[in-house]
Protein backbone atom coordinates (compact mmCIF):
# COMPACT_ATOMS: atom_id res chain seq x y z
CA MET A 1 -9.77 -22.38 10.95
CA SER A 2 -6.93 -21.67 8.50
CA ARG A 3 -3.42 -21.19 9.75
CA PRO A 4 -1.76 -17.82 9.18
CA GLU A 5 0.76 -17.63 6.33
CA PHE A 6 3.26 -14.76 6.30
CA PHE A 7 5.02 -13.29 3.25
CA VAL A 8 8.02 -11.02 2.67
CA THR A 9 8.22 -8.99 -0.52
CA PRO A 10 11.54 -9.58 -2.33
CA GLY A 11 13.90 -6.61 -2.33
CA ALA A 12 12.66 -3.85 -0.06
CA GLY A 13 10.55 -6.21 2.06
CA GLU A 14 13.57 -8.39 2.79
CA LYS A 15 15.58 -5.34 3.84
CA LEU A 16 12.74 -4.11 6.07
CA GLN A 17 12.36 -7.52 7.69
CA GLU A 18 16.05 -7.63 8.51
CA MET A 19 16.16 -4.01 9.77
CA LEU A 20 12.81 -3.83 11.59
CA HIS A 21 11.73 -7.47 12.12
CA TYR A 22 8.34 -7.44 10.41
CA ARG A 23 6.78 -9.06 7.36
CA GLN A 24 4.81 -7.50 4.53
CA ALA A 25 1.72 -9.69 4.25
CA LEU A 26 -0.48 -12.14 6.11
CA ARG A 27 -3.04 -14.53 4.65
CA ILE A 28 -5.60 -16.39 6.72
CA GLY A 29 -8.01 -18.36 4.56
CA ASP A 30 -9.42 -16.01 1.93
CA ARG A 31 -8.38 -12.82 3.76
CA VAL A 32 -5.11 -10.98 3.04
CA GLU A 33 -3.76 -8.11 5.15
CA ILE A 34 -0.64 -6.22 4.15
CA SER A 35 1.56 -3.81 6.03
CA GLY A 36 1.72 -0.25 4.78
CA GLN A 37 3.61 0.05 1.50
CA GLY A 38 5.53 3.16 0.56
CA GLY A 39 6.67 4.39 -2.81
CA TRP A 40 10.18 3.01 -2.36
CA ASP A 41 12.28 1.02 -4.80
CA ASP A 42 14.11 -2.15 -3.76
CA ASP A 43 16.89 -0.02 -2.23
CA LEU A 44 14.33 1.94 -0.15
CA VAL A 45 14.86 5.09 -2.23
CA PHE A 46 11.88 7.38 -2.93
CA PRO A 47 11.25 9.34 -6.14
CA ASP A 48 11.38 13.12 -5.95
CA ASP A 49 7.98 13.46 -7.63
CA LEU A 50 4.97 12.92 -5.33
CA GLU A 51 2.77 11.46 -8.06
CA ALA A 52 5.48 8.94 -9.01
CA GLU A 53 5.81 8.01 -5.33
CA ILE A 54 2.07 7.30 -5.06
CA VAL A 55 2.09 5.18 -8.24
CA ARG A 56 5.10 3.24 -6.97
CA ALA A 57 3.33 2.66 -3.62
CA PHE A 58 0.41 1.17 -5.60
CA ASP A 59 2.92 -1.01 -7.48
CA ASN A 60 4.39 -2.17 -4.16
CA VAL A 61 0.93 -3.00 -2.84
CA GLU A 62 0.34 -5.04 -6.00
CA ARG A 63 3.63 -6.93 -5.60
CA THR A 64 2.90 -7.69 -1.96
CA LEU A 65 -0.68 -8.81 -2.62
CA ALA A 66 0.55 -11.15 -5.37
CA LEU A 67 2.77 -13.02 -2.90
CA ALA A 68 -0.34 -13.97 -0.94
CA GLY A 69 -2.35 -14.84 -4.05
CA ALA A 70 -4.36 -11.61 -4.27
CA THR A 71 -4.71 -8.68 -6.69
CA TRP A 72 -6.05 -5.15 -6.55
CA ARG A 73 -9.38 -6.61 -7.76
CA ASP A 74 -9.62 -8.45 -4.40
CA VAL A 75 -9.08 -5.32 -2.29
CA VAL A 76 -12.02 -4.27 -0.12
CA ASN A 77 -10.40 -1.72 2.22
CA VAL A 78 -7.68 0.91 1.76
CA ASP A 79 -6.11 3.13 4.41
CA SER A 80 -3.74 5.74 3.00
CA TYR A 81 -1.48 7.94 5.07
CA HIS A 82 -0.23 11.24 3.64
CA LEU A 83 2.00 14.12 4.57
CA PRO A 84 -0.44 16.97 3.89
CA ASP A 85 0.20 19.59 1.20
CA ALA A 86 -1.23 22.26 3.52
CA PRO A 87 -1.91 22.58 7.26
CA ASP A 88 -5.65 22.02 6.86
CA GLN A 89 -5.89 19.36 4.12
CA ILE A 90 -4.11 16.46 2.47
CA GLY A 91 -4.35 18.20 -0.88
CA GLU A 92 -5.79 17.83 -4.35
CA ARG A 93 -2.81 16.07 -5.97
CA PRO A 94 -2.53 13.04 -3.68
CA THR A 95 -6.30 12.63 -3.59
CA ARG A 96 -6.56 12.80 -7.38
CA VAL A 97 -3.72 10.35 -7.99
CA MET A 98 -5.11 7.88 -5.45
CA ALA A 99 -8.53 7.96 -7.16
CA GLU A 100 -6.93 7.58 -10.61
CA GLN A 101 -5.02 4.53 -9.42
CA PHE A 102 -8.16 2.96 -7.90
CA ARG A 103 -9.92 3.29 -11.26
CA LYS A 104 -6.94 1.98 -13.21
CA ARG A 105 -6.25 -1.03 -10.98
CA MET A 106 -9.71 -1.95 -9.72
CA GLY A 107 -11.92 -1.16 -12.71
CA ASP A 108 -15.55 -0.77 -11.72
CA ARG A 109 -14.95 -2.12 -8.18
CA ALA A 110 -14.44 0.53 -5.53
CA PRO A 111 -13.00 -0.13 -2.06
CA ILE A 112 -13.85 1.55 1.18
CA TRP A 113 -11.12 4.13 1.76
CA THR A 114 -9.85 6.15 4.69
CA GLN A 115 -7.39 8.91 3.82
CA ILE A 116 -5.39 10.09 6.82
CA GLY A 117 -3.09 13.11 7.09
CA VAL A 118 -0.08 12.53 9.35
CA ALA A 119 2.85 14.58 10.62
CA ALA A 120 5.48 11.99 9.68
CA LEU A 121 5.88 8.53 8.17
CA GLY A 122 8.38 5.74 8.78
CA ALA A 123 11.23 6.86 6.53
CA PRO A 124 12.88 10.15 5.53
CA LYS A 125 11.44 11.55 2.27
CA MET A 126 8.37 9.28 2.55
CA ARG A 127 5.13 11.14 1.78
CA VAL A 128 2.58 8.33 1.34
CA GLU A 129 1.91 4.87 2.78
CA ILE A 130 -0.88 2.53 1.63
CA ARG A 131 -2.28 -0.39 3.62
CA VAL A 132 -4.98 -2.69 2.26
CA THR A 133 -7.18 -5.64 3.13
CA ALA A 134 -8.22 -8.09 0.40
CA VAL A 135 -10.77 -10.88 0.32
CA LEU A 136 -10.06 -13.47 -2.36
CA GLY A 137 -12.53 -14.72 -4.94
CA GLN A 138 -14.82 -11.74 -5.32
CA ASP A 139 -14.90 -11.77 -9.13
């Protein structure tokens, strides 16, 4: 059995590790798990625009996967957490942008996806968090 390897994303991940004592990614053999990534920059600041925040969260997932030797093309499972646009649904905009990013970053591969509406996320002004599992060597 492979030994676990842990990774910390430079910038925001280093700050989060120091503040909250956790790491961003884990690799065991050909499997990579990452912690939820928000649409923050390296100073943990979020954009005002929701769509830009979602795209930046995808960028942060990509950066974190790369540390463990994975890409979006290796992703098999996505869980996304959203502050809903309305009391009874997550909303059209976040759903549309998520699907656009899947197509852009994964090509013809499609992950399994669970989209979850939540009352709050881990930081003020945070509206989306994306957590993925990847299995290496699928292409």
